[in-house]
Amino acid sequence: MGSWWLIPLTNASRSSGTEPEQGPHSPIADTGRSLAWCQVKVLLFHLARPVLLPVLRLLLGLRIEGLEHVPLKGPVLMVANHLHNADPVLLMAAYPRPIRFIAKKELFGLPLIGWIVRQTGAVSVDRSSPVREVRTLHQAEQLLAEGRIVGIFAEGTRSVTGGLQEAHPGVAMLALHSGALILPTAIFGTEVLPFNGRKGRRRGKSRPRVTVRIGPPFRLQPIAAPHRHQAFVELTDIIMMEIARLLPPRYRGIYAERIDSIHSSRAGVRPGHLESGP
């Protein structure tokens, strides 16, 4: 990836040395309106959540565990597994603070879902272009610098089998360079819900019982590796294993054997490359 994290996040007026344009249609005025709208959406979130949660508990048997691990303020990188299209909505309802998700660009083009995604302040990622992926990570880092919660599904797509899949190393890049707290989050039980697109639905024998389980926060510590990319891959595996710990065994996928080996060799002690938060 080179030294892309050294690219400054500055606007055109700073780079050109000119003064920002003034007036009702200036960038400053647009920014003010945007900030005001963001504050309105945060208010709407806090008003809607107490109404939405009882409905989700009734319809989906939603259970939320580990809310005590969510910091009241400050930057947080929420990393979760992904089973269903409804996962982002349920996670946003479960968390007591608004989450800005990183979402694939294809969602923004859908008639209704695209509108919902935009209203939640999601950040678009173009998975076909490494350069655009870097821009997305810059945007996410900026949101973290503003003290927000950024949500990411590290696997990059929904799991067809229900088990964890290989994750993309971009999540470790973002975590390490932003220095944000990582909140590993497991969601399961959504795989039986309808409307899951091409990934399909796994048939359940009883009414849905969806669980959101939030683990203790931690920060990554750099590790020694022959190549930068390899270091990020190993750090990403560390994040995914923290998520796997929160999942029932049948959802752990490719990380199941690694978790078992860690439990037997270390008796459940967390690795030294994790720094407990906050």
Protein backbone atom coordinates (compact mmCIF):
# COMPACT_ATOMS: atom_id res chain seq x y z
CA MET A 1 0.00 0.00 0.00
CA GLY A 2 3.07 2.27 0.12
CA SER A 3 2.85 5.39 2.31
CA TRP A 4 -0.71 6.37 1.47
CA TRP A 5 -1.43 7.20 5.10
CA LEU A 6 0.90 10.19 4.70
CA ILE A 7 -1.42 11.81 2.13
CA PRO A 8 -2.94 14.88 3.85
CA LEU A 9 -6.71 15.14 4.17
CA THR A 10 -7.02 18.77 3.13
CA ASN A 11 -9.53 20.66 1.05
CA ALA A 12 -8.89 22.58 -2.15
CA SER A 13 -8.86 25.99 -0.51
CA ARG A 14 -6.02 24.99 1.83
CA SER A 15 -3.93 23.46 -0.91
CA SER A 16 -4.34 26.52 -3.14
CA GLY A 17 -3.69 29.02 -0.36
CA THR A 18 -6.86 31.00 -1.19
CA GLU A 19 -9.44 32.17 1.31
CA PRO A 20 -12.66 30.13 1.51
CA GLU A 21 -15.58 31.60 -0.42
CA GLN A 22 -18.17 33.45 1.70
CA GLY A 23 -21.93 33.79 1.24
CA PRO A 24 -25.12 31.71 1.54
CA HIS A 25 -23.99 29.19 -1.08
CA SER A 26 -20.35 29.00 -0.03
CA PRO A 27 -18.63 25.80 1.18
CA ILE A 28 -18.72 27.22 4.73
CA ALA A 29 -22.49 27.70 4.56
CA ASP A 30 -22.91 24.22 3.07
CA THR A 31 -20.80 22.76 5.86
CA GLY A 32 -22.93 24.54 8.46
CA ARG A 33 -26.12 23.16 6.97
CA SER A 34 -24.57 19.69 6.80
CA LEU A 35 -23.53 19.81 10.45
CA ALA A 36 -27.00 20.99 11.47
CA TRP A 37 -28.60 18.11 9.55
CA CYS A 38 -26.19 15.65 11.20
CA GLN A 39 -27.26 16.93 14.62
CA VAL A 40 -30.92 16.48 13.64
CA LYS A 41 -30.26 12.89 12.56
CA VAL A 42 -28.47 12.13 15.84
CA LEU A 43 -31.48 13.51 17.72
CA LEU A 44 -33.84 11.39 15.60
CA PHE A 45 -31.68 8.34 16.34
CA HIS A 46 -31.98 8.84 20.10
CA LEU A 47 -35.73 9.38 19.80
CA ALA A 48 -36.33 6.37 17.54
CA ARG A 49 -34.18 3.80 19.35
CA PRO A 50 -36.38 3.42 22.49
CA VAL A 51 -39.39 2.86 20.20
CA LEU A 52 -37.64 0.49 17.78
CA LEU A 53 -35.96 -1.80 20.33
CA PRO A 54 -39.18 -3.20 21.89
CA VAL A 55 -40.51 -3.92 18.40
CA LEU A 56 -37.35 -5.79 17.43
CA ARG A 57 -37.40 -7.73 20.70
CA LEU A 58 -40.98 -8.75 20.02
CA LEU A 59 -40.57 -9.67 16.34
CA LEU A 60 -37.01 -11.04 16.29
CA GLY A 61 -36.35 -11.97 19.89
CA LEU A 62 -33.50 -9.44 19.79
CA ARG A 63 -31.11 -9.78 22.71
CA ILE A 64 -28.24 -7.36 23.28
CA GLU A 65 -25.25 -8.29 25.43
CA GLY A 66 -22.19 -6.25 26.40
CA LEU A 67 -23.54 -2.70 26.16
CA GLU A 68 -21.34 -1.84 29.14
CA HIS A 69 -18.35 -2.15 26.79
CA VAL A 70 -19.47 0.75 24.54
CA PRO A 71 -17.66 3.98 25.49
CA LEU A 72 -19.95 6.97 26.00
CA LYS A 73 -17.77 9.08 23.72
CA GLY A 74 -14.64 8.98 21.62
CA PRO A 75 -13.60 7.17 18.42
CA VAL A 76 -14.61 3.52 18.12
CA LEU A 77 -14.10 1.04 15.30
CA MET A 78 -16.94 -1.48 15.49
CA VAL A 79 -15.96 -4.69 13.65
CA ALA A 80 -18.62 -7.37 13.16
CA ASN A 81 -19.37 -10.56 11.29
CA HIS A 82 -21.98 -10.39 8.51
CA LEU A 83 -24.87 -12.79 7.86
CA HIS A 84 -27.82 -10.80 6.51
CA ASN A 85 -28.85 -7.55 4.81
CA ALA A 86 -30.56 -6.55 8.05
CA ASP A 87 -27.35 -6.72 10.12
CA PRO A 88 -26.46 -2.99 9.81
CA VAL A 89 -29.95 -1.89 10.85
CA LEU A 90 -30.00 -4.25 13.85
CA LEU A 91 -26.52 -3.21 14.95
CA MET A 92 -27.45 0.47 14.70
CA ALA A 93 -30.51 -0.22 16.86
CA ALA A 94 -28.46 -2.23 19.36
CA TYR A 95 -25.73 0.37 19.88
CA PRO A 96 -26.51 3.37 22.12
CA ARG A 97 -24.52 5.67 19.79
CA PRO A 98 -24.99 6.23 16.04
CA ILE A 99 -22.79 4.08 13.77
CA ARG A 100 -21.40 5.25 10.41
CA PHE A 101 -21.02 2.09 8.36
CA ILE A 102 -18.66 1.48 5.46
CA ALA A 103 -21.01 0.12 2.76
CA LYS A 104 -20.41 -1.21 -0.75
CA LYS A 105 -21.20 1.36 -3.44
CA GLU A 106 -23.79 -0.91 -5.09
CA LEU A 107 -26.17 -0.31 -2.17
CA PHE A 108 -26.28 3.43 -2.89
CA GLY A 109 -27.79 2.77 -6.33
CA LEU A 110 -30.81 0.81 -5.07
CA PRO A 111 -34.08 2.81 -5.03
CA LEU A 112 -35.13 2.51 -1.37
CA ILE A 113 -32.11 0.95 0.31
CA GLY A 114 -29.83 3.55 -1.28
CA TRP A 115 -31.84 6.37 0.32
CA ILE A 116 -31.71 4.67 3.73
CA VAL A 117 -27.98 4.07 3.44
CA ARG A 118 -27.35 7.73 2.59
CA GLN A 119 -29.53 8.96 5.47
CA THR A 120 -27.53 6.91 7.97
CA GLY A 121 -24.34 8.63 6.81
CA ALA A 122 -22.75 5.47 5.45
CA VAL A 123 -19.43 5.75 3.60
CA SER A 124 -19.35 4.26 0.11
CA VAL A 125 -16.56 1.83 -0.80
CA ASP A 126 -15.72 0.74 -4.34
CA ARG A 127 -14.24 -2.73 -3.95
CA SER A 128 -13.15 -2.84 -7.61
CA SER A 129 -10.60 -0.04 -7.22
CA PRO A 130 -7.71 -0.08 -4.70
CA VAL A 131 -7.34 3.70 -5.07
CA ARG A 132 -10.99 4.28 -4.18
CA GLU A 133 -10.69 1.84 -1.27
CA VAL A 134 -7.87 4.01 0.06
CA ARG A 135 -10.09 7.10 -0.22
CA THR A 136 -12.79 5.30 1.74
CA LEU A 137 -10.31 4.45 4.50
CA HIS A 138 -9.28 8.12 4.60
CA GLN A 139 -12.93 9.09 5.07
CA ALA A 140 -13.34 6.51 7.82
CA GLU A 141 -10.19 7.74 9.56
CA GLN A 142 -11.54 11.29 9.44
CA LEU A 143 -14.80 10.17 11.06
CA LEU A 144 -12.83 8.44 13.80
CA ALA A 145 -10.78 11.61 14.31
CA GLU A 146 -14.11 13.38 14.91
CA GLY A 147 -14.88 10.93 17.72
CA ARG A 148 -17.52 8.87 15.90
CA ILE A 149 -18.26 5.15 15.75
CA VAL A 150 -17.35 3.62 12.39
CA GLY A 151 -18.80 0.21 11.58
CA ILE A 152 -17.16 -2.28 9.25
CA PHE A 153 -17.85 -5.85 8.18
CA ALA A 154 -14.27 -7.05 7.77
CA GLU A 155 -15.23 -10.07 5.66
CA GLY A 156 -16.46 -7.68 2.97
CA THR A 157 -19.66 -9.61 2.25
CA ARG A 158 -22.33 -11.76 3.88
CA SER A 159 -21.41 -15.32 4.76
CA VAL A 160 -23.25 -17.99 2.78
CA THR A 161 -22.39 -20.78 5.23
CA GLY A 162 -23.03 -18.77 8.37
CA GLY A 163 -19.41 -19.19 9.50
CA LEU A 164 -16.69 -16.55 9.59
CA GLN A 165 -14.77 -16.06 6.34
CA GLU A 166 -11.32 -14.66 5.60
CA ALA A 167 -11.29 -10.94 6.36
CA HIS A 168 -9.72 -8.08 4.41
CA PRO A 169 -6.60 -6.47 5.95
CA GLY A 170 -7.94 -2.93 5.47
CA VAL A 171 -9.63 -3.16 8.86
CA ALA A 172 -6.27 -3.61 10.61
CA MET A 173 -4.77 -0.71 8.63
CA LEU A 174 -7.59 1.55 9.77
CA ALA A 175 -7.42 0.37 13.37
CA LEU A 176 -3.66 0.69 13.69
CA HIS A 177 -3.27 4.06 11.98
CA SER A 178 -6.29 5.70 13.62
CA GLY A 179 -5.46 4.35 17.07
CA ALA A 180 -9.19 3.97 17.71
CA LEU A 181 -10.62 1.50 20.17
CA ILE A 182 -11.87 -1.67 18.50
CA LEU A 183 -15.18 -3.13 19.62
CA PRO A 184 -15.52 -6.73 18.40
CA THR A 185 -19.19 -7.45 17.82
CA ALA A 186 -20.95 -10.69 17.01
CA ILE A 187 -24.41 -10.90 15.48
CA PHE A 188 -26.14 -14.22 14.90
CA GLY A 189 -29.64 -15.54 14.33
CA THR A 190 -30.29 -13.20 11.38
CA GLU A 191 -29.44 -15.91 8.85
CA VAL A 192 -33.01 -17.27 9.12
CA LEU A 193 -34.63 -13.94 8.21
CA PRO A 194 -36.12 -13.38 4.73
CA PHE A 195 -35.04 -10.76 2.15
CA ASN A 196 -31.37 -11.67 2.08
CA GLY A 197 -30.86 -11.25 -1.66
CA ARG A 198 -28.76 -13.76 -3.56
CA LYS A 199 -27.17 -15.07 -0.38
CA GLY A 200 -30.46 -16.78 0.40
CA ARG A 201 -32.07 -17.69 3.67
CA ARG A 202 -31.26 -20.55 6.01
CA ARG A 203 -34.45 -22.16 7.20
CA GLY A 204 -35.16 -22.07 10.91
CA LYS A 205 -37.46 -24.41 12.81
CA SER A 206 -38.79 -21.79 15.23
CA ARG A 207 -39.26 -18.05 15.54
CA PRO A 208 -36.12 -15.92 15.06
CA ARG A 209 -33.85 -15.26 18.00
CA VAL A 210 -31.29 -12.63 17.07
CA THR A 211 -28.37 -11.88 19.39
CA VAL A 212 -25.95 -8.94 19.30
CA ARG A 213 -22.96 -9.60 21.56
CA ILE A 214 -20.37 -6.85 22.14
CA GLY A 215 -16.94 -7.79 23.46
CA PRO A 216 -14.42 -5.82 25.55
CA PRO A 217 -12.71 -2.97 23.68
CA PHE A 218 -9.03 -3.14 22.78
CA ARG A 219 -6.38 -1.49 20.65
CA LEU A 220 -3.97 -3.23 18.30
CA GLN A 221 -0.25 -3.11 18.91
CA PRO A 222 2.19 -3.27 15.96
CA ILE A 223 3.80 -6.65 15.35
CA ALA A 224 7.02 -7.62 13.62
CA ALA A 225 6.58 -9.17 10.18
CA PRO A 226 8.77 -9.48 7.06
CA HIS A 227 6.33 -7.36 5.03
CA ARG A 228 3.80 -4.67 5.92
CA HIS A 229 0.98 -6.51 4.20
CA GLN A 230 1.71 -9.66 6.17
CA ALA A 231 1.60 -7.68 9.42
CA PHE A 232 -1.82 -6.29 8.53
CA VAL A 233 -3.08 -9.77 7.62
CA GLU A 234 -1.95 -11.14 10.99
CA LEU A 235 -3.47 -8.21 12.88
CA THR A 236 -6.75 -8.68 11.00
CA ASP A 237 -6.78 -12.32 12.07
CA ILE A 238 -6.37 -11.16 15.66
CA ILE A 239 -9.46 -8.95 15.34
CA MET A 240 -11.45 -11.76 13.76
CA MET A 241 -10.49 -14.19 16.51
CA GLU A 242 -11.85 -11.73 19.08
CA ILE A 243 -15.14 -11.79 17.16
CA ALA A 244 -15.01 -15.58 16.94
CA ARG A 245 -14.72 -15.78 20.74
CA LEU A 246 -18.11 -14.05 20.96
CA LEU A 247 -19.83 -16.38 18.50
CA PRO A 248 -21.29 -19.83 19.20
CA PRO A 249 -18.95 -22.53 17.80
CA ARG A 250 -21.00 -23.24 14.66
CA TYR A 251 -20.57 -19.61 13.50
CA ARG A 252 -16.78 -19.45 13.90
CA GLY A 253 -15.98 -20.78 10.42
CA ILE A 254 -12.32 -20.76 9.46
CA TYR A 255 -11.35 -19.37 12.88
CA ALA A 256 -12.83 -22.27 14.86
CA GLU A 257 -9.65 -24.37 15.01
CA ARG A 258 -7.49 -21.35 15.83
CA ILE A 259 -9.74 -20.45 18.76
CA ASP A 260 -9.62 -24.03 20.04
CA SER A 261 -5.81 -24.09 19.84
CA ILE A 262 -5.53 -20.77 21.68
CA HIS A 263 -7.86 -21.98 24.43
CA SER A 264 -5.87 -25.15 24.93
CA SER A 265 -2.41 -23.56 24.79
CA ARG A 266 -3.08 -20.25 26.58
CA ALA A 267 -6.05 -21.17 28.78
CA GLY A 268 -8.04 -18.25 27.33
CA VAL A 269 -5.45 -15.52 28.06
CA ARG A 270 -5.67 -12.68 25.54
CA PRO A 271 -2.58 -12.21 23.32
CA GLY A 272 0.03 -9.62 24.22
CA HIS A 273 -0.51 -7.63 21.00
CA LEU A 274 -3.90 -6.50 22.32
CA GLU A 275 -4.05 -3.46 24.58
CA SER A 276 -7.24 -3.31 26.62
CA GLY A 277 -9.30 -0.13 26.29
CA PRO A 278 -10.25 2.53 26.88
